[in-house]
Amino acid sequence: MDNRITIIEFLRVFDCIRSSGEQLDNKYQFGEMVAWHDYDGYTCWLSYRDITVTLMFHGSLKIEYDKASNYEDFIKRCLAMLETEPSS
């Protein structure tokens, strides 16, 4: 598994997309990145091109993708979002 970004950071990316993106039905879109969750919020998803990141209750994480180059771009975008995120 990639250790450049943690599940907590993926959740921060999810929140950034949700708060800054445009709501379309039950999903939020920010550029090419999309975030959504199930009805109770226990499972969240991030997607970009062919990548799907599933963030599950109790800190489980599943990353699926076909093209490594898309995954690299996705990670770069996530890290950039985290760098520009306002401090809490």
PDB file of N, CA and C in Angstrom:
ATOM      1  N   MET A   1       0.839  -1.189   0.000  1.00  0.00           N
ATOM      2  CA  MET A   1       0.000   0.000   0.000  1.00  0.00           C
ATOM      3  C   MET A   1       0.879   1.246   0.000  1.00  0.00           C
ATOM      4  N   ASP A   2       0.393   2.277  -0.619  1.00  0.00           N
ATOM      5  CA  ASP A   2       1.081   3.554  -0.719  1.00  0.00           C
ATOM      6  C   ASP A   2       1.082   4.229   0.655  1.00  0.00           C
ATOM      7  N   ASN A   3       2.238   4.683   1.104  1.00  0.00           N
ATOM      8  CA  ASN A   3       2.303   5.327   2.415  1.00  0.00           C
ATOM      9  C   ASN A   3       2.494   6.838   2.324  1.00  0.00           C
ATOM     10  N   ARG A   4       2.289   7.409   1.139  1.00  0.00           N
ATOM     11  CA  ARG A   4       2.430   8.863   0.995  1.00  0.00           C
ATOM     12  C   ARG A   4       1.232   9.608   1.557  1.00  0.00           C
ATOM     13  N   ILE A   5       0.137   8.917   1.722  1.00  0.00           N
ATOM     14  CA  ILE A   5      -1.083   9.562   2.207  1.00  0.00           C
ATOM     15  C   ILE A   5      -1.830   8.567   3.103  1.00  0.00           C
ATOM     16  N   THR A   6      -2.276   9.035   4.247  1.00  0.00           N
ATOM     17  CA  THR A   6      -2.940   8.174   5.234  1.00  0.00           C
ATOM     18  C   THR A   6      -4.454   8.225   5.067  1.00  0.00           C
ATOM     19  N   ILE A   7      -5.137   7.338   5.760  1.00  0.00           N
ATOM     20  CA  ILE A   7      -6.600   7.348   5.704  1.00  0.00           C
ATOM     21  C   ILE A   7      -7.149   8.666   6.251  1.00  0.00           C
ATOM     22  N   ILE A   8      -6.513   9.211   7.273  1.00  0.00           N
ATOM     23  CA  ILE A   8      -6.948  10.504   7.828  1.00  0.00           C
ATOM     24  C   ILE A   8      -6.823  11.591   6.762  1.00  0.00           C
ATOM     25  N   GLU A   9      -5.742  11.558   6.016  1.00  0.00           N
ATOM     26  CA  GLU A   9      -5.557  12.554   4.955  1.00  0.00           C
ATOM     27  C   GLU A   9      -6.557  12.345   3.820  1.00  0.00           C
ATOM     28  N   PHE A  10      -6.849  11.083   3.476  1.00  0.00           N
ATOM     29  CA  PHE A  10      -7.893  10.831   2.479  1.00  0.00           C
ATOM     30  C   PHE A  10      -9.230  11.390   2.969  1.00  0.00           C
ATOM     31  N   LEU A  11      -9.515  11.261   4.260  1.00  0.00           N
ATOM     32  CA  LEU A  11     -10.759  11.823   4.808  1.00  0.00           C
ATOM     33  C   LEU A  11     -10.752  13.345   4.731  1.00  0.00           C
ATOM     34  N   ARG A  12      -9.600  13.960   4.928  1.00  0.00           N
ATOM     35  CA  ARG A  12      -9.499  15.415   4.779  1.00  0.00           C
ATOM     36  C   ARG A  12      -9.730  15.827   3.332  1.00  0.00           C
ATOM     37  N   VAL A  13      -9.211  15.035   2.379  1.00  0.00           N
ATOM     38  CA  VAL A  13      -9.463  15.295   0.956  1.00  0.00           C
ATOM     39  C   VAL A  13     -10.954  15.158   0.679  1.00  0.00           C
ATOM     40  N   PHE A  14     -11.578  14.114   1.226  1.00  0.00           N
ATOM     41  CA  PHE A  14     -13.021  13.919   1.077  1.00  0.00           C
ATOM     42  C   PHE A  14     -13.764  15.168   1.555  1.00  0.00           C
ATOM     43  N   ASP A  15     -13.407  15.665   2.729  1.00  0.00           N
ATOM     44  CA  ASP A  15     -14.079  16.837   3.284  1.00  0.00           C
ATOM     45  C   ASP A  15     -13.839  18.077   2.431  1.00  0.00           C
ATOM     46  N   CYS A  16     -12.647  18.222   1.900  1.00  0.00           N
ATOM     47  CA  CYS A  16     -12.339  19.361   1.028  1.00  0.00           C
ATOM     48  C   CYS A  16     -13.204  19.328  -0.232  1.00  0.00           C
ATOM     49  N   ILE A  17     -13.336  18.157  -0.840  1.00  0.00           N
ATOM     50  CA  ILE A  17     -14.175  18.023  -2.035  1.00  0.00           C
ATOM     51  C   ILE A  17     -15.628  18.298  -1.682  1.00  0.00           C
ATOM     52  N   ARG A  18     -16.073  17.771  -0.556  1.00  0.00           N
ATOM     53  CA  ARG A  18     -17.462  17.956  -0.133  1.00  0.00           C
ATOM     54  C   ARG A  18     -17.762  19.425   0.162  1.00  0.00           C
ATOM     55  N   SER A  19     -16.835  20.102   0.808  1.00  0.00           N
ATOM     56  CA  SER A  19     -17.103  21.489   1.192  1.00  0.00           C
ATOM     57  C   SER A  19     -16.841  22.489   0.063  1.00  0.00           C
ATOM     58  N   SER A  20     -15.933  22.176  -0.849  1.00  0.00           N
ATOM     59  CA  SER A  20     -15.590  23.114  -1.923  1.00  0.00           C
ATOM     60  C   SER A  20     -16.196  22.756  -3.269  1.00  0.00           C
ATOM     61  N   GLY A  21     -16.622  21.514  -3.411  1.00  0.00           N
ATOM     62  CA  GLY A  21     -17.123  21.052  -4.698  1.00  0.00           C
ATOM     63  C   GLY A  21     -18.589  21.361  -4.918  1.00  0.00           C
ATOM     64  N   GLU A  22     -19.041  20.997  -6.090  1.00  0.00           N
ATOM     65  CA  GLU A  22     -20.434  21.189  -6.474  1.00  0.00           C
ATOM     66  C   GLU A  22     -21.201  19.901  -6.197  1.00  0.00           C
ATOM     67  N   GLN A  23     -22.356  20.042  -5.538  1.00  0.00           N
ATOM     68  CA  GLN A  23     -23.156  18.855  -5.252  1.00  0.00           C
ATOM     69  C   GLN A  23     -23.979  18.478  -6.480  1.00  0.00           C
ATOM     70  N   LEU A  24     -23.836  17.227  -6.900  1.00  0.00           N
ATOM     71  CA  LEU A  24     -24.575  16.677  -8.031  1.00  0.00           C
ATOM     72  C   LEU A  24     -25.244  15.404  -7.539  1.00  0.00           C
ATOM     73  N   ASP A  25     -26.554  15.452  -7.358  1.00  0.00           N
ATOM     74  CA  ASP A  25     -27.284  14.338  -6.756  1.00  0.00           C
ATOM     75  C   ASP A  25     -26.690  14.061  -5.375  1.00  0.00           C
ATOM     76  N   ASN A  26     -26.218  12.855  -5.144  1.00  0.00           N
ATOM     77  CA  ASN A  26     -25.664  12.503  -3.832  1.00  0.00           C
ATOM     78  C   ASN A  26     -24.144  12.484  -3.827  1.00  0.00           C
ATOM     79  N   LYS A  27     -23.537  13.138  -4.816  1.00  0.00           N
ATOM     80  CA  LYS A  27     -22.081  13.178  -4.916  1.00  0.00           C
ATOM     81  C   LYS A  27     -21.622  14.628  -4.965  1.00  0.00           C
ATOM     82  N   TYR A  28     -20.360  14.820  -4.644  1.00  0.00           N
ATOM     83  CA  TYR A  28     -19.742  16.138  -4.709  1.00  0.00           C
ATOM     84  C   TYR A  28     -18.594  16.067  -5.699  1.00  0.00           C
ATOM     85  N   GLN A  29     -18.536  17.052  -6.592  1.00  0.00           N
ATOM     86  CA  GLN A  29     -17.486  17.061  -7.602  1.00  0.00           C
ATOM     87  C   GLN A  29     -16.667  18.328  -7.481  1.00  0.00           C
ATOM     88  N   PHE A  30     -15.362  18.153  -7.492  1.00  0.00           N
ATOM     89  CA  PHE A  30     -14.414  19.261  -7.441  1.00  0.00           C
ATOM     90  C   PHE A  30     -13.384  18.982  -8.528  1.00  0.00           C
ATOM     91  N   GLY A  31     -13.515  19.674  -9.649  1.00  0.00           N
ATOM     92  CA  GLY A  31     -12.683  19.351 -10.805  1.00  0.00           C
ATOM     93  C   GLY A  31     -13.027  17.954 -11.291  1.00  0.00           C
ATOM     94  N   GLU A  32     -12.023  17.123 -11.465  1.00  0.00           N
ATOM     95  CA  GLU A  32     -12.250  15.742 -11.897  1.00  0.00           C
ATOM     96  C   GLU A  32     -12.430  14.786 -10.717  1.00  0.00           C
ATOM     97  N   MET A  33     -12.312  15.300  -9.504  1.00  0.00           N
ATOM     98  CA  MET A  33     -12.408  14.440  -8.324  1.00  0.00           C
ATOM     99  C   MET A  33     -13.837  14.434  -7.799  1.00  0.00           C
ATOM    100  N   VAL A  34     -14.286  13.258  -7.383  1.00  0.00           N
ATOM    101  CA  VAL A  34     -15.657  13.076  -6.904  1.00  0.00           C
ATOM    102  C   VAL A  34     -15.607  12.404  -5.536  1.00  0.00           C
ATOM    103  N   ALA A  35     -16.486  12.832  -4.641  1.00  0.00           N
ATOM    104  CA  ALA A  35     -16.595  12.244  -3.305  1.00  0.00           C
ATOM    105  C   ALA A  35     -18.063  11.972  -3.009  1.00  0.00           C
ATOM    106  N   TRP A  36     -18.318  10.840  -2.358  1.00  0.00           N
ATOM    107  CA  TRP A  36     -19.676  10.512  -1.928  1.00  0.00           C
ATOM    108  C   TRP A  36     -19.608   9.539  -0.761  1.00  0.00           C
ATOM    109  N   HIS A  37     -20.747   9.353  -0.103  1.00  0.00           N
ATOM    110  CA  HIS A  37     -20.805   8.440   1.047  1.00  0.00           C
ATOM    111  C   HIS A  37     -22.131   7.704   1.045  1.00  0.00           C
ATOM    112  N   ASP A  38     -22.191   6.640   1.849  1.00  0.00           N
ATOM    113  CA  ASP A  38     -23.441   5.895   1.946  1.00  0.00           C
ATOM    114  C   ASP A  38     -24.412   6.654   2.845  1.00  0.00           C
ATOM    115  N   TYR A  39     -25.590   6.096   3.036  1.00  0.00           N
ATOM    116  CA  TYR A  39     -26.658   6.813   3.739  1.00  0.00           C
ATOM    117  C   TYR A  39     -26.300   7.185   5.170  1.00  0.00           C
ATOM    118  N   ASP A  40     -25.480   6.391   5.851  1.00  0.00           N
ATOM    119  CA  ASP A  40     -25.159   6.699   7.242  1.00  0.00           C
ATOM    120  C   ASP A  40     -23.766   7.311   7.427  1.00  0.00           C
ATOM    121  N   GLY A  41     -23.023   7.460   6.341  1.00  0.00           N
ATOM    122  CA  GLY A  41     -21.712   8.086   6.404  1.00  0.00           C
ATOM    123  C   GLY A  41     -20.585   7.183   6.872  1.00  0.00           C
ATOM    124  N   TYR A  42     -20.868   5.912   7.078  1.00  0.00           N
ATOM    125  CA  TYR A  42     -19.828   4.995   7.550  1.00  0.00           C
ATOM    126  C   TYR A  42     -18.856   4.581   6.453  1.00  0.00           C
ATOM    127  N   THR A  43     -19.271   4.670   5.218  1.00  0.00           N
ATOM    128  CA  THR A  43     -18.387   4.360   4.095  1.00  0.00           C
ATOM    129  C   THR A  43     -18.365   5.563   3.163  1.00  0.00           C
ATOM    130  N   CYS A  44     -17.153   5.986   2.809  1.00  0.00           N
ATOM    131  CA  CYS A  44     -16.969   7.129   1.917  1.00  0.00           C
ATOM    132  C   CYS A  44     -16.120   6.686   0.736  1.00  0.00           C
ATOM    133  N   TRP A  45     -16.335   7.329  -0.390  1.00  0.00           N
ATOM    134  CA  TRP A  45     -15.576   7.017  -1.596  1.00  0.00           C
ATOM    135  C   TRP A  45     -15.000   8.284  -2.195  1.00  0.00           C
ATOM    136  N   LEU A  46     -13.834   8.143  -2.785  1.00  0.00           N
ATOM    137  CA  LEU A  46     -13.209   9.172  -3.605  1.00  0.00           C
ATOM    138  C   LEU A  46     -12.961   8.543  -4.963  1.00  0.00           C
ATOM    139  N   SER A  47     -13.170   9.306  -6.023  1.00  0.00           N
ATOM    140  CA  SER A  47     -12.842   8.771  -7.343  1.00  0.00           C
ATOM    141  C   SER A  47     -12.209   9.852  -8.204  1.00  0.00           C
ATOM    142  N   TYR A  48     -11.400   9.368  -9.127  1.00  0.00           N
ATOM    143  CA  TYR A  48     -10.705  10.213 -10.100  1.00  0.00           C
ATOM    144  C   TYR A  48     -10.317   9.293 -11.246  1.00  0.00           C
ATOM    145  N   ARG A  49     -10.837   9.579 -12.430  1.00  0.00           N
ATOM    146  CA  ARG A  49     -10.585   8.738 -13.602  1.00  0.00           C
ATOM    147  C   ARG A  49     -10.888   7.280 -13.276  1.00  0.00           C
ATOM    148  N   ASP A  50      -9.899   6.380 -13.330  1.00  0.00           N
ATOM    149  CA  ASP A  50     -10.153   4.955 -13.080  1.00  0.00           C
ATOM    150  C   ASP A  50      -9.875   4.546 -11.628  1.00  0.00           C
ATOM    151  N   ILE A  51      -9.673   5.516 -10.745  1.00  0.00           N
ATOM    152  CA  ILE A  51      -9.326   5.230  -9.353  1.00  0.00           C
ATOM    153  C   ILE A  51     -10.565   5.327  -8.473  1.00  0.00           C
ATOM    154  N   THR A  52     -10.707   4.374  -7.575  1.00  0.00           N
ATOM    155  CA  THR A  52     -11.722   4.458  -6.534  1.00  0.00           C
ATOM    156  C   THR A  52     -11.048   4.137  -5.209  1.00  0.00           C
ATOM    157  N   VAL A  53     -11.189   5.053  -4.259  1.00  0.00           N
ATOM    158  CA  VAL A  53     -10.693   4.837  -2.905  1.00  0.00           C
ATOM    159  C   VAL A  53     -11.916   4.671  -2.018  1.00  0.00           C
ATOM    160  N   THR A  54     -11.968   3.559  -1.295  1.00  0.00           N
ATOM    161  CA  THR A  54     -13.065   3.288  -0.374  1.00  0.00           C
ATOM    162  C   THR A  54     -12.537   3.449   1.041  1.00  0.00           C
ATOM    163  N   LEU A  55     -13.164   4.348   1.794  1.00  0.00           N
ATOM    164  CA  LEU A  55     -12.797   4.614   3.185  1.00  0.00           C
ATOM    165  C   LEU A  55     -13.900   4.031   4.055  1.00  0.00           C
ATOM    166  N   MET A  56     -13.558   3.009   4.814  1.00  0.00           N
ATOM    167  CA  MET A  56     -14.565   2.275   5.567  1.00  0.00           C
ATOM    168  C   MET A  56     -14.461   2.547   7.064  1.00  0.00           C
ATOM    169  N   PHE A  57     -15.564   2.270   7.737  1.00  0.00           N
ATOM    170  CA  PHE A  57     -15.648   2.403   9.186  1.00  0.00           C
ATOM    171  C   PHE A  57     -14.512   1.616   9.837  1.00  0.00           C
ATOM    172  N   HIS A  58     -14.025   2.073  10.950  1.00  0.00           N
ATOM    173  CA  HIS A  58     -12.923   1.458  11.700  1.00  0.00           C
ATOM    174  C   HIS A  58     -11.584   1.597  10.986  1.00  0.00           C
ATOM    175  N   GLY A  59     -11.476   2.554  10.071  1.00  0.00           N
ATOM    176  CA  GLY A  59     -10.189   2.870   9.468  1.00  0.00           C
ATOM    177  C   GLY A  59      -9.698   1.954   8.374  1.00  0.00           C
ATOM    178  N   SER A  60     -10.569   1.170   7.787  1.00  0.00           N
ATOM    179  CA  SER A  60     -10.159   0.323   6.667  1.00  0.00           C
ATOM    180  C   SER A  60     -10.103   1.159   5.392  1.00  0.00           C
ATOM    181  N   LEU A  61      -9.230   0.761   4.492  1.00  0.00           N
ATOM    182  CA  LEU A  61      -8.996   1.510   3.267  1.00  0.00           C
ATOM    183  C   LEU A  61      -8.795   0.532   2.119  1.00  0.00           C
ATOM    184  N   LYS A  62      -9.429   0.829   0.987  1.00  0.00           N
ATOM    185  CA  LYS A  62      -9.255   0.007  -0.212  1.00  0.00           C
ATOM    186  C   LYS A  62      -9.021   0.946  -1.385  1.00  0.00           C
ATOM    187  N   ILE A  63      -7.952   0.698  -2.144  1.00  0.00           N
ATOM    188  CA  ILE A  63      -7.615   1.526  -3.300  1.00  0.00           C
ATOM    189  C   ILE A  63      -7.615   0.634  -4.532  1.00  0.00           C
ATOM    190  N   GLU A  64      -8.413   1.028  -5.532  1.00  0.00           N
ATOM    191  CA  GLU A  64      -8.490   0.270  -6.780  1.00  0.00           C
ATOM    192  C   GLU A  64      -8.190   1.202  -7.948  1.00  0.00           C
ATOM    193  N   TYR A  65      -7.362   0.737  -8.881  1.00  0.00           N
ATOM    194  CA  TYR A  65      -7.068   1.515 -10.084  1.00  0.00           C
ATOM    195  C   TYR A  65      -6.499   0.596 -11.150  1.00  0.00           C
ATOM    196  N   ASP A  66      -6.575   1.065 -12.391  1.00  0.00           N
ATOM    197  CA  ASP A  66      -6.021   0.318 -13.517  1.00  0.00           C
ATOM    198  C   ASP A  66      -4.674   0.877 -13.961  1.00  0.00           C
ATOM    199  N   LYS A  67      -4.590   2.193 -14.070  1.00  0.00           N
ATOM    200  CA  LYS A  67      -3.374   2.819 -14.603  1.00  0.00           C
ATOM    201  C   LYS A  67      -2.580   3.491 -13.485  1.00  0.00           C
ATOM    202  N   ALA A  68      -1.334   3.072 -13.333  1.00  0.00           N
ATOM    203  CA  ALA A  68      -0.466   3.650 -12.308  1.00  0.00           C
ATOM    204  C   ALA A  68      -0.273   5.148 -12.515  1.00  0.00           C
ATOM    205  N   SER A  69      -0.234   5.602 -13.764  1.00  0.00           N
ATOM    206  CA  SER A  69      -0.041   7.031 -14.033  1.00  0.00           C
ATOM    207  C   SER A  69      -1.224   7.851 -13.519  1.00  0.00           C
ATOM    208  N   ASN A  70      -2.432   7.329 -13.636  1.00  0.00           N
ATOM    209  CA  ASN A  70      -3.598   8.022 -13.082  1.00  0.00           C
ATOM    210  C   ASN A  70      -3.531   8.060 -11.560  1.00  0.00           C
ATOM    211  N   TYR A  71      -3.077   6.960 -10.966  1.00  0.00           N
ATOM    212  CA  TYR A  71      -2.962   6.920  -9.507  1.00  0.00           C
ATOM    213  C   TYR A  71      -1.932   7.941  -9.024  1.00  0.00           C
ATOM    214  N   GLU A  72      -0.809   8.047  -9.722  1.00  0.00           N
ATOM    215  CA  GLU A  72       0.209   9.037  -9.358  1.00  0.00           C
ATOM    216  C   GLU A  72      -0.364  10.448  -9.433  1.00  0.00           C
ATOM    217  N   ASP A  73      -1.116  10.739 -10.483  1.00  0.00           N
ATOM    218  CA  ASP A  73      -1.741  12.051 -10.636  1.00  0.00           C
ATOM    219  C   ASP A  73      -2.749  12.296  -9.513  1.00  0.00           C
ATOM    220  N   PHE A  74      -3.523  11.285  -9.172  1.00  0.00           N
ATOM    221  CA  PHE A  74      -4.504  11.382  -8.091  1.00  0.00           C
ATOM    222  C   PHE A  74      -3.817  11.715  -6.763  1.00  0.00           C
ATOM    223  N   ILE A  75      -2.738  11.008  -6.448  1.00  0.00           N
ATOM    224  CA  ILE A  75      -2.014  11.265  -5.198  1.00  0.00           C
ATOM    225  C   ILE A  75      -1.466  12.690  -5.191  1.00  0.00           C
ATOM    226  N   LYS A  76      -0.915  13.139  -6.307  1.00  0.00           N
ATOM    227  CA  LYS A  76      -0.408  14.513  -6.391  1.00  0.00           C
ATOM    228  C   LYS A  76      -1.523  15.519  -6.146  1.00  0.00           C
ATOM    229  N   ARG A  77      -2.694  15.273  -6.716  1.00  0.00           N
ATOM    230  CA  ARG A  77      -3.831  16.175  -6.513  1.00  0.00           C
ATOM    231  C   ARG A  77      -4.272  16.174  -5.048  1.00  0.00           C
ATOM    232  N   CYS A  78      -4.306  14.999  -4.443  1.00  0.00           N
ATOM    233  CA  CYS A  78      -4.676  14.907  -3.027  1.00  0.00           C
ATOM    234  C   CYS A  78      -3.687  15.677  -2.161  1.00  0.00           C
ATOM    235  N   LEU A  79      -2.406  15.464  -2.386  1.00  0.00           N
ATOM    236  CA  LEU A  79      -1.384  16.163  -1.603  1.00  0.00           C
ATOM    237  C   LEU A  79      -1.463  17.670  -1.804  1.00  0.00           C
ATOM    238  N   ALA A  80      -1.744  18.116  -3.023  1.00  0.00           N
ATOM    239  CA  ALA A  80      -1.895  19.550  -3.287  1.00  0.00           C
ATOM    240  C   ALA A  80      -3.099  20.112  -2.535  1.00  0.00           C
ATOM    241  N   MET A  81      -4.194  19.358  -2.489  1.00  0.00           N
ATOM    242  CA  MET A  81      -5.374  19.809  -1.740  1.00  0.00           C
ATOM    243  C   MET A  81      -5.049  19.930  -0.259  1.00  0.00           C
ATOM    244  N   LEU A  82      -4.293  18.983   0.265  1.00  0.00           N
ATOM    245  CA  LEU A  82      -3.927  19.016   1.680  1.00  0.00           C
ATOM    246  C   LEU A  82      -3.012  20.190   1.995  1.00  0.00           C
ATOM    247  N   GLU A  83      -2.130  20.541   1.065  1.00  0.00           N
ATOM    248  CA  GLU A  83      -1.218  21.673   1.272  1.00  0.00           C
ATOM    249  C   GLU A  83      -1.951  23.002   1.284  1.00  0.00           C
ATOM    250  N   THR A  84      -3.013  23.117   0.498  1.00  0.00           N
ATOM    251  CA  THR A  84      -3.741  24.386   0.409  1.00  0.00           C
ATOM    252  C   THR A  84      -4.920  24.448   1.365  1.00  0.00           C
ATOM    253  N   GLU A  85      -5.167  23.357   2.080  1.00  0.00           N
ATOM    254  CA  GLU A  85      -6.278  23.307   3.025  1.00  0.00           C
ATOM    255  C   GLU A  85      -6.000  24.259   4.193  1.00  0.00           C
ATOM    256  N   PRO A  86      -6.992  25.058   4.584  1.00  0.00           N
ATOM    257  CA  PRO A  86      -6.800  25.941   5.735  1.00  0.00           C
ATOM    258  C   PRO A  86      -6.549  25.128   7.001  1.00  0.00           C
ATOM    259  N   SER A  87      -5.682  25.610   7.850  1.00  0.00           N
ATOM    260  CA  SER A  87      -5.404  24.920   9.117  1.00  0.00           C
ATOM    261  C   SER A  87      -6.601  25.011  10.037  1.00  0.00           C
ATOM    262  N   SER A  88      -6.832  23.936  10.772  1.00  0.00           N
ATOM    263  CA  SER A  88      -7.958  23.911  11.722  1.00  0.00           C
ATOM    264  C   SER A  88      -7.548  24.493  13.041  1.00  0.00           C
TER     265      SER A  88
END
